[in-house]
Amino acid sequence: MTLPEPSAAPDPAATEPAGTVDLTIERPAHGGHFVARHEGRVVFVRHALPGERVRVRFTDTDDGASFWRADVVEVLESSPHRVTHPWPLADALFTAARGRSAVGGAEFGHIALDEQRRLKAAIFEEQLARLAKTGRTVTAEPARGEAADGLAWRTRAAFAVDAAGRLAMHLHRSHSVVPVREMPLAVPAINALRLWTLDLSGIERVDVAAPSGGGDPLVLLVPAAGTSPRRVAAVASSIDGASVGVLEPESGQVRRLTGRTWLQESVLGLDYRVTGAGFWQIHRGAPEALATAVLDGLQPAAGERIADLYAGAGLFTVPLARAVGPTGSVLSVEGSPGTSRDARRNLHGQDHVAIVQGRVDAVLGRWNEPLDAVLLDPPRAGAGKKVVRQILDASPRVVGYVSCDPASFARDLGYFLSAGWTLDTLRVFDLYPHTHHMESFARLLPPSA
């Protein structure tokens, strides 16, 4: 069944604004915002640029808050770095003119790519100075082979479904959804499925993943409460060119409907199996970029003992295990049961690798063997003081820190620096073009190094 074009009905949140004012934008801030001031109060503005004069619609004006939030609805004096947004539904100006808010996921799309990277580097430097009390000149590197327009890089995408059964996405910081007919940041294999043409009635959420090395995508359906198995099967049968499964969000378990429930990935000549609900880097070039940075930074040698913390499906564990060989050892720690199972499959038969599912601090608390090197790739909240202290107590020769958040990294870096460690090398990667997100890899050395 082919559905009609998305409706342009106004978003209720956008048609009942808390008010609009004209502001001058000062500087970028972590989190995809830009700082302005209104009557002495800080306002975090989305979809702006430093130096611009803009008209904004307030989205959060709690009198007790230390700051307010706002979205740009009109540009009065434009920055030379402002460009046409590649995705109208994520463009604040386009959607505001139609009485709606923008969808999330491409909040930097109005900024020229080179300026996006300059801003990201400046934000990273500011976080280092403020939270780690250290200075470092940063350059945000694009992934190797990045498209000139910064599009078509997402190998994973999550969608909502609207009340009419159409593929949809959430508006930023909202439960409201709008139908979509494309996802310009997604790799072609995801858009080629044309899920927006299907009747998805009875489905609450649709997750799509495409292996970076080719092969059929995997579509995971999350049925709405009360949806019959027959209806779910009907939706699955309407999806061509992909494997289809049913995802249980609470447990992460996937039930196969058609095809297979996992994807085959290849990085640096090594093969990985990742279940549909398992964690994997989103950018098609991210696994290679980060794995290369890790190996260059840690320089693992045969016979060494290495811990890979927050190890996921084994993206870094596999090449580290190969580098240390059977005379060495690797401890892989991952909290997610499903992702830890992926790691077990990817390291099957390698007896020198210990794969432990559990909290990192709990595992390190009972781990008594010495470590030559430690790698950590924590979630957005970072590792925290306890885990950093446990790493310091293990006295490794080097620590590698992969981070997806400059604020939590800078905080944790401060703990290392206060213990006398040194930030040796730091690489920042722009692996999420048109968004404010970035990845980084740091090589940390102990006082004796």
Protein backbone atom coordinates (compact mmCIF):
# COMPACT_ATOMS: atom_id res chain seq x y z
CA MET A 1 0.00 0.00 0.00
CA THR A 2 1.41 3.39 -0.98
CA LEU A 3 0.72 6.22 1.41
CA PRO A 4 0.09 9.88 0.54
CA GLU A 5 2.64 12.65 0.92
CA PRO A 6 3.35 13.74 4.51
CA SER A 7 0.90 16.27 5.87
CA ALA A 8 2.05 19.81 6.62
CA ALA A 9 -0.26 20.09 9.63
CA PRO A 10 1.18 22.47 12.23
CA ASP A 11 2.93 21.08 15.27
CA PRO A 12 0.96 22.11 18.39
CA ALA A 13 4.16 22.86 20.30
CA ALA A 14 5.25 25.27 17.56
CA THR A 15 1.92 27.07 17.21
CA GLU A 16 1.71 27.88 20.90
CA PRO A 17 5.14 29.43 21.57
CA ALA A 18 6.24 30.82 24.90
CA GLY A 19 7.22 33.97 22.96
CA THR A 20 9.67 35.27 20.38
CA VAL A 21 12.50 37.79 20.76
CA ASP A 22 15.48 38.98 18.74
CA LEU A 23 18.88 37.87 20.05
CA THR A 24 22.55 38.21 19.11
CA ILE A 25 24.41 34.90 19.18
CA GLU A 26 27.70 34.91 21.07
CA ARG A 27 29.49 31.54 20.91
CA PRO A 28 28.95 27.79 20.52
CA ALA A 29 28.23 25.58 23.52
CA HIS A 30 28.48 21.84 24.07
CA GLY A 31 25.31 19.96 23.14
CA GLY A 32 24.45 21.57 19.81
CA HIS A 33 23.54 24.95 21.27
CA PHE A 34 24.71 28.52 20.82
CA VAL A 35 24.83 31.02 23.65
CA ALA A 36 22.82 34.25 23.69
CA ARG A 37 21.51 36.43 26.49
CA HIS A 38 18.07 37.84 27.15
CA GLU A 39 17.49 40.27 30.01
CA GLY A 40 20.57 38.95 31.79
CA ARG A 41 19.62 35.28 31.41
CA VAL A 42 21.60 32.78 29.34
CA VAL A 43 19.61 31.32 26.44
CA PHE A 44 20.78 28.16 24.66
CA VAL A 45 19.73 28.58 21.04
CA ARG A 46 19.61 25.81 18.44
CA HIS A 47 20.07 26.29 14.68
CA ALA A 48 22.09 29.49 15.03
CA LEU A 49 25.69 30.60 14.35
CA PRO A 50 28.06 32.89 16.26
CA GLY A 51 27.64 36.56 15.35
CA GLU A 52 24.17 36.17 13.91
CA ARG A 53 21.19 38.33 14.81
CA VAL A 54 18.19 35.99 14.97
CA ARG A 55 14.57 35.82 15.98
CA VAL A 56 13.94 32.90 18.28
CA ARG A 57 10.96 31.02 19.69
CA PHE A 58 11.41 30.02 23.32
CA THR A 59 10.96 26.30 23.94
CA ASP A 60 11.80 26.19 27.65
CA THR A 61 11.23 29.21 29.91
CA ASP A 62 11.04 27.79 33.42
CA ASP A 63 11.42 30.76 35.77
CA GLY A 64 13.44 28.67 38.16
CA ALA A 65 15.92 27.46 35.55
CA SER A 66 19.43 28.89 35.28
CA PHE A 67 18.99 29.11 31.51
CA TRP A 68 16.26 29.05 28.89
CA ARG A 69 16.13 27.25 25.54
CA ALA A 70 15.07 28.56 22.15
CA ASP A 71 14.97 27.70 18.45
CA VAL A 72 15.75 30.07 15.59
CA VAL A 73 12.68 30.93 13.51
CA GLU A 74 14.15 33.75 11.42
CA VAL A 75 17.64 35.00 10.60
CA LEU A 76 17.92 38.78 10.68
CA GLU A 77 21.69 39.05 10.12
CA SER A 78 23.25 35.92 8.67
CA SER A 79 26.67 34.39 9.23
CA PRO A 80 28.80 33.83 6.10
CA HIS A 81 29.02 30.18 7.18
CA ARG A 82 25.26 29.62 6.95
CA VAL A 83 24.25 27.33 4.05
CA THR A 84 21.06 25.73 2.76
CA HIS A 85 20.14 22.81 4.99
CA PRO A 86 20.27 19.48 3.10
CA TRP A 87 17.20 18.10 4.91
CA PRO A 88 14.12 20.36 5.02
CA LEU A 89 12.42 18.51 7.89
CA ALA A 90 15.46 19.15 10.09
CA ASP A 91 15.77 22.80 8.97
CA ALA A 92 14.47 25.16 11.66
CA LEU A 93 13.75 27.95 9.17
CA PHE A 94 11.87 25.70 6.73
CA THR A 95 9.75 24.10 9.43
CA ALA A 96 9.11 27.33 11.37
CA ALA A 97 7.67 28.90 8.20
CA ARG A 98 5.19 26.03 8.14
CA GLY A 99 4.25 26.26 11.81
CA ARG A 100 6.26 23.26 12.97
CA SER A 101 9.43 22.39 14.83
CA ALA A 102 12.37 20.57 13.23
CA VAL A 103 13.09 16.87 13.67
CA GLY A 104 16.21 16.04 15.63
CA GLY A 105 19.34 14.49 14.21
CA ALA A 106 20.80 17.15 11.89
CA GLU A 107 21.03 20.26 14.05
CA PHE A 108 24.24 21.50 12.34
CA GLY A 109 22.94 21.08 8.80
CA HIS A 110 22.66 24.84 8.31
CA ILE A 111 26.45 25.23 8.77
CA ALA A 112 29.13 24.75 6.11
CA LEU A 113 31.02 21.50 6.77
CA ASP A 114 34.41 23.11 7.33
CA GLU A 115 32.84 25.50 9.82
CA GLN A 116 31.06 22.62 11.57
CA ARG A 117 34.46 21.04 12.18
CA ARG A 118 36.01 24.29 13.35
CA LEU A 119 33.17 24.77 15.83
CA LYS A 120 33.46 21.20 17.09
CA ALA A 121 37.19 21.67 17.65
CA ALA A 122 36.54 24.91 19.54
CA ILE A 123 33.91 23.23 21.72
CA PHE A 124 36.31 20.38 22.49
CA GLU A 125 39.05 22.84 23.43
CA GLU A 126 36.65 24.73 25.69
CA GLN A 127 35.65 21.54 27.51
CA LEU A 128 39.31 20.62 28.06
CA ALA A 129 40.07 24.06 29.46
CA ARG A 130 37.00 24.25 31.69
CA LEU A 131 36.77 20.69 33.01
CA ALA A 132 40.30 19.27 32.71
CA LYS A 133 42.08 22.58 33.27
CA THR A 134 44.40 21.88 30.35
CA GLY A 135 45.01 23.47 26.98
CA ARG A 136 45.28 21.64 23.67
CA THR A 137 44.84 22.72 20.07
CA VAL A 138 42.29 20.43 18.45
CA THR A 139 41.46 19.62 14.84
CA ALA A 140 38.26 17.72 13.99
CA GLU A 141 39.19 15.13 11.34
CA PRO A 142 36.66 13.81 8.82
CA ALA A 143 36.51 10.06 8.27
CA ARG A 144 38.51 8.69 5.36
CA GLY A 145 36.36 8.78 2.24
CA GLU A 146 33.80 11.17 3.74
CA ALA A 147 31.35 12.51 1.16
CA ALA A 148 31.87 16.14 0.17
CA ASP A 149 28.31 16.97 1.29
CA GLY A 150 28.60 15.06 4.58
CA LEU A 151 25.57 12.88 3.81
CA ALA A 152 24.89 9.14 3.46
CA TRP A 153 27.01 7.97 6.39
CA ARG A 154 24.57 6.47 8.92
CA THR A 155 24.47 2.67 8.87
CA ARG A 156 21.90 2.65 11.68
CA ALA A 157 18.68 4.65 11.94
CA ALA A 158 15.65 4.55 14.24
CA PHE A 159 12.19 5.71 13.21
CA ALA A 160 8.84 6.21 14.86
CA VAL A 161 5.46 5.47 13.25
CA ASP A 162 2.68 8.05 13.24
CA ALA A 163 -1.01 7.45 13.92
CA ALA A 164 -1.66 6.91 10.20
CA GLY A 165 0.94 4.14 9.98
CA ARG A 166 3.58 6.22 8.21
CA LEU A 167 7.30 6.16 8.88
CA ALA A 168 8.08 9.14 11.09
CA MET A 169 10.63 10.84 13.30
CA HIS A 170 10.39 12.71 16.58
CA LEU A 171 10.63 16.45 16.78
CA HIS A 172 13.54 17.60 18.95
CA ARG A 173 12.81 17.17 22.69
CA SER A 174 9.23 16.18 21.91
CA HIS A 175 6.93 13.16 21.86
CA SER A 176 5.35 14.54 18.67
CA VAL A 177 6.28 12.89 15.39
CA VAL A 178 6.14 13.89 11.73
CA PRO A 179 6.14 11.57 8.70
CA VAL A 180 9.36 11.37 6.70
CA ARG A 181 10.10 10.37 3.13
CA GLU A 182 13.88 10.18 3.33
CA MET A 183 16.78 10.15 5.78
CA PRO A 184 19.60 12.02 3.99
CA LEU A 185 22.21 11.06 6.60
CA ALA A 186 21.53 7.34 6.08
CA VAL A 187 23.51 5.15 3.70
CA PRO A 188 21.76 4.45 0.36
CA ALA A 189 20.88 0.88 1.38
CA ILE A 190 18.55 2.19 4.10
CA ASN A 191 16.79 4.75 1.90
CA ALA A 192 16.50 2.18 -0.90
CA LEU A 193 14.06 0.20 1.25
CA ARG A 194 11.55 3.06 0.85
CA LEU A 195 9.90 2.22 4.16
CA TRP A 196 7.95 5.50 3.96
CA THR A 197 5.77 3.97 1.20
CA LEU A 198 4.52 1.17 3.48
CA ASP A 199 1.54 0.94 5.80
CA LEU A 200 3.21 0.37 9.18
CA SER A 201 0.01 0.43 11.22
CA GLY A 202 0.40 -1.59 14.41
CA ILE A 203 4.14 -0.88 14.65
CA GLU A 204 5.49 1.55 17.24
CA ARG A 205 9.14 1.80 16.20
CA VAL A 206 11.32 0.70 13.29
CA ASP A 207 15.09 0.24 13.61
CA VAL A 208 17.15 -0.26 10.47
CA ALA A 209 20.79 -1.33 10.18
CA ALA A 210 22.91 -1.87 7.08
CA PRO A 211 26.31 -3.58 7.18
CA SER A 212 29.08 -1.20 6.14
CA GLY A 213 30.63 -3.82 3.87
CA GLY A 214 27.46 -4.61 1.92
CA GLY A 215 24.74 -7.23 2.26
CA ASP A 216 21.05 -6.90 2.99
CA PRO A 217 19.94 -4.47 5.71
CA LEU A 218 18.13 -5.68 8.81
CA VAL A 219 14.80 -4.12 9.82
CA LEU A 220 13.63 -4.57 13.41
CA LEU A 221 9.97 -3.94 14.22
CA VAL A 222 8.70 -2.99 17.67
CA PRO A 223 4.95 -3.72 17.65
CA ALA A 224 2.54 -1.46 19.52
CA ALA A 225 0.72 -2.98 22.47
CA GLY A 226 -2.08 -5.27 21.33
CA THR A 227 -0.84 -5.69 17.75
CA SER A 228 -1.57 -9.22 16.52
CA PRO A 229 1.22 -11.49 15.22
CA ARG A 230 -0.69 -11.68 11.92
CA ARG A 231 -0.46 -7.89 11.51
CA VAL A 232 3.26 -7.90 12.31
CA ALA A 233 3.79 -10.67 9.76
CA ALA A 234 1.88 -8.65 7.16
CA VAL A 235 4.15 -5.65 7.72
CA ALA A 236 7.24 -7.87 7.48
CA SER A 237 6.04 -9.37 4.19
CA SER A 238 5.72 -5.88 2.69
CA ILE A 239 9.41 -5.11 3.25
CA ASP A 240 11.56 -6.09 0.28
CA GLY A 241 15.35 -6.37 0.20
CA ALA A 242 15.96 -6.80 3.93
CA SER A 243 15.87 -9.31 6.73
CA VAL A 244 13.11 -8.57 9.24
CA GLY A 245 12.83 -9.34 12.93
CA VAL A 246 10.77 -8.36 15.96
CA LEU A 247 12.66 -6.51 18.69
CA GLU A 248 11.79 -6.75 22.37
CA PRO A 249 13.05 -3.37 23.65
CA GLU A 250 13.32 -4.36 27.31
CA SER A 251 15.44 -7.49 26.82
CA GLY A 252 17.04 -6.60 23.49
CA GLN A 253 16.05 -10.03 22.17
CA VAL A 254 15.27 -10.32 18.46
CA ARG A 255 12.84 -12.85 16.98
CA ARG A 256 13.45 -13.71 13.33
CA LEU A 257 10.66 -13.22 10.81
CA THR A 258 12.57 -13.31 7.52
CA GLY A 259 16.28 -13.63 6.71
CA ARG A 260 18.72 -13.44 9.62
CA THR A 261 18.89 -11.44 12.84
CA TRP A 262 22.52 -10.35 12.58
CA LEU A 263 24.85 -8.39 10.31
CA GLN A 264 28.32 -9.22 9.05
CA GLU A 265 30.87 -6.42 9.47
CA SER A 266 34.50 -6.27 8.34
CA VAL A 267 37.15 -3.94 9.78
CA LEU A 268 40.86 -3.97 8.94
CA GLY A 269 40.46 -7.39 7.37
CA LEU A 270 38.75 -8.84 10.46
CA ASP A 271 35.18 -10.14 10.43
CA TYR A 272 32.52 -9.44 13.04
CA ARG A 273 29.00 -10.68 13.65
CA VAL A 274 26.69 -8.11 15.24
CA THR A 275 23.11 -8.82 16.21
CA GLY A 276 20.49 -6.35 15.07
CA ALA A 277 20.03 -4.86 18.52
CA GLY A 278 23.76 -4.95 19.35
CA PHE A 279 25.94 -1.86 19.53
CA TRP A 280 28.08 -0.91 16.54
CA GLN A 281 29.55 2.40 15.41
CA ILE A 282 27.00 4.31 13.33
CA HIS A 283 29.22 6.00 10.72
CA ARG A 284 30.27 3.66 7.92
CA GLY A 285 33.91 4.75 8.34
CA ALA A 286 33.98 4.96 12.14
CA PRO A 287 35.05 1.37 12.97
CA GLU A 288 38.15 1.59 10.79
CA ALA A 289 39.07 5.12 11.91
CA LEU A 290 38.78 4.32 15.61
CA ALA A 291 40.35 0.86 15.45
CA THR A 292 43.34 2.32 13.62
CA ALA A 293 43.69 5.10 16.20
CA VAL A 294 43.52 2.56 19.05
CA LEU A 295 46.21 0.30 17.58
CA ASP A 296 48.47 3.25 16.78
CA GLY A 297 47.99 4.66 20.27
CA LEU A 298 48.35 1.52 22.38
CA GLN A 299 50.97 -0.19 20.20
CA PRO A 300 50.12 -3.60 21.67
CA ALA A 301 52.95 -6.15 21.66
CA ALA A 302 53.01 -9.94 21.73
CA GLY A 303 52.66 -11.29 25.25
CA GLU A 304 51.08 -8.17 26.77
CA ARG A 305 48.05 -8.13 29.08
CA ILE A 306 45.35 -5.67 27.98
CA ALA A 307 41.92 -4.73 29.30
CA ASP A 308 39.24 -3.56 26.85
CA LEU A 309 36.58 -1.86 28.97
CA TYR A 310 33.06 -1.13 27.69
CA ALA A 311 34.12 -3.45 24.89
CA GLY A 312 30.88 -3.82 22.95
CA ALA A 313 30.85 -6.54 20.32
CA GLY A 314 34.64 -6.65 20.25
CA LEU A 315 35.51 -3.99 17.67
CA PHE A 316 38.79 -3.32 19.49
CA THR A 317 39.10 -6.64 21.35
CA VAL A 318 39.54 -8.64 18.15
CA PRO A 319 42.58 -6.73 16.77
CA LEU A 320 44.06 -6.41 20.28
CA ALA A 321 43.77 -10.17 20.76
CA ARG A 322 45.51 -10.72 17.44
CA ALA A 323 48.30 -8.30 18.39
CA VAL A 324 49.13 -9.82 21.80
CA GLY A 325 48.81 -13.37 20.50
CA PRO A 326 48.33 -16.55 22.53
CA THR A 327 51.18 -15.65 24.89
CA GLY A 328 49.31 -12.51 25.96
CA SER A 329 45.82 -11.94 27.31
CA VAL A 330 42.86 -9.59 26.82
CA LEU A 331 40.10 -8.88 29.31
CA SER A 332 36.89 -7.78 27.57
CA VAL A 333 34.24 -6.18 29.80
CA GLU A 334 30.77 -5.21 28.53
CA GLY A 335 27.60 -4.47 30.46
CA SER A 336 25.00 -5.36 27.83
CA PRO A 337 24.20 -9.11 27.82
CA GLY A 338 23.31 -9.17 24.13
CA THR A 339 26.38 -7.24 23.02
CA SER A 340 28.57 -9.39 25.26
CA ARG A 341 27.17 -12.45 23.48
CA ASP A 342 28.25 -10.87 20.19
CA ALA A 343 31.76 -10.49 21.62
CA ARG A 344 31.82 -14.18 22.57
CA ARG A 345 30.94 -15.15 19.01
CA ASN A 346 33.53 -12.79 17.54
CA LEU A 347 36.26 -14.12 19.86
CA HIS A 348 35.22 -17.76 19.69
CA GLY A 349 38.13 -20.16 20.13
CA GLN A 350 40.56 -17.52 21.41
CA ASP A 351 41.38 -18.89 24.83
CA HIS A 352 43.64 -15.96 25.73
CA VAL A 353 40.60 -13.64 25.78
CA ALA A 354 38.42 -13.43 28.90
CA ILE A 355 34.98 -12.05 28.07
CA VAL A 356 33.11 -10.85 31.14
CA GLN A 357 29.60 -9.43 31.10
CA GLY A 358 28.98 -6.97 33.91
CA ARG A 359 29.62 -3.50 35.31
CA VAL A 360 33.15 -2.32 34.64
CA ASP A 361 33.77 -1.16 38.21
CA ALA A 362 32.53 -4.47 39.62
CA VAL A 363 34.73 -6.52 37.29
CA LEU A 364 37.83 -4.40 37.92
CA GLY A 365 37.14 -4.59 41.64
CA ARG A 366 37.75 -8.33 41.62
CA TRP A 367 40.40 -8.48 38.87
CA ASN A 368 43.80 -9.14 40.46
CA GLU A 369 46.05 -9.67 37.45
CA PRO A 370 48.45 -6.91 36.30
CA LEU A 371 47.71 -4.98 33.10
CA ASP A 372 50.15 -3.56 30.57
CA ALA A 373 47.57 -1.43 28.77
CA VAL A 374 43.97 -0.39 29.28
CA LEU A 375 41.49 0.75 26.64
CA LEU A 376 38.16 2.25 27.59
CA ASP A 377 35.26 3.30 25.38
CA PRO A 378 32.54 4.31 27.86
CA PRO A 379 29.02 5.50 27.07
CA ARG A 380 28.20 9.19 26.94
CA ALA A 381 28.31 9.54 30.73
CA GLY A 382 32.00 8.61 30.74
CA ALA A 383 33.87 6.26 33.07
CA GLY A 384 33.74 8.24 36.30
CA LYS A 385 36.13 8.70 39.20
CA LYS A 386 35.85 5.15 40.59
CA VAL A 387 36.75 3.42 37.34
CA VAL A 388 39.60 5.88 36.69
CA ARG A 389 40.98 5.12 40.15
CA GLN A 390 40.79 1.38 39.47
CA ILE A 391 42.68 1.87 36.21
CA LEU A 392 45.36 3.93 37.97
CA ASP A 393 45.74 1.19 40.60
CA ALA A 394 46.48 -1.34 37.82
CA SER A 395 49.55 0.76 36.82
CA PRO A 396 49.40 0.16 33.04
CA ARG A 397 52.10 1.58 30.79
CA VAL A 398 49.46 3.31 28.65
CA VAL A 399 45.74 4.06 28.66
CA GLY A 400 43.70 4.61 25.53
CA TYR A 401 40.42 6.50 25.94
CA VAL A 402 37.79 6.47 23.17
CA SER A 403 35.04 9.00 23.86
CA CYS A 404 31.79 10.14 22.27
CA ASP A 405 31.37 13.13 24.59
CA PRO A 406 33.96 15.88 25.15
CA ALA A 407 32.50 16.92 28.51
CA SER A 408 32.66 13.52 30.21
CA PHE A 409 36.06 12.86 28.63
CA ALA A 410 37.44 16.16 29.90
CA ARG A 411 36.10 15.42 33.39
CA ASP A 412 37.74 11.96 33.41
CA LEU A 413 40.93 13.36 31.90
CA GLY A 414 41.10 15.72 34.85
CA TYR A 415 41.23 12.71 37.19
CA PHE A 416 44.19 11.28 35.27
CA LEU A 417 46.00 14.62 35.15
CA SER A 418 45.58 15.17 38.88
CA ALA A 419 47.27 11.80 39.44
CA GLY A 420 50.29 12.95 37.44
CA TRP A 421 49.40 11.33 34.13
CA THR A 422 49.99 13.08 30.80
CA LEU A 423 47.74 13.59 27.79
CA ASP A 424 50.17 12.43 25.11
CA THR A 425 48.19 12.39 21.87
CA LEU A 426 44.61 13.42 21.16
CA ARG A 427 42.64 12.91 17.96
CA VAL A 428 39.12 14.23 17.43
CA PHE A 429 37.00 12.72 14.67
CA ASP A 430 34.00 14.32 12.97
CA LEU A 431 32.13 11.04 12.54
CA TYR A 432 28.68 12.63 12.70
CA PRO A 433 28.50 15.37 10.03
CA HIS A 434 25.57 17.79 10.32
CA THR A 435 25.21 16.99 14.04
CA HIS A 436 27.07 18.38 17.06
CA HIS A 437 28.44 14.95 18.01
CA MET A 438 32.06 13.86 17.69
CA GLU A 439 34.38 11.02 18.72
CA SER A 440 37.90 11.20 20.11
CA PHE A 441 40.84 9.01 21.00
CA ALA A 442 43.39 9.98 23.65
CA ARG A 443 46.65 8.31 24.57
CA LEU A 444 47.45 8.79 28.27
CA LEU A 445 50.84 8.06 29.84
CA PRO A 446 51.74 7.52 33.53
CA PRO A 447 54.13 9.80 35.46
CA SER A 448 57.09 7.49 34.90
CA ALA A 449 56.72 7.49 31.11
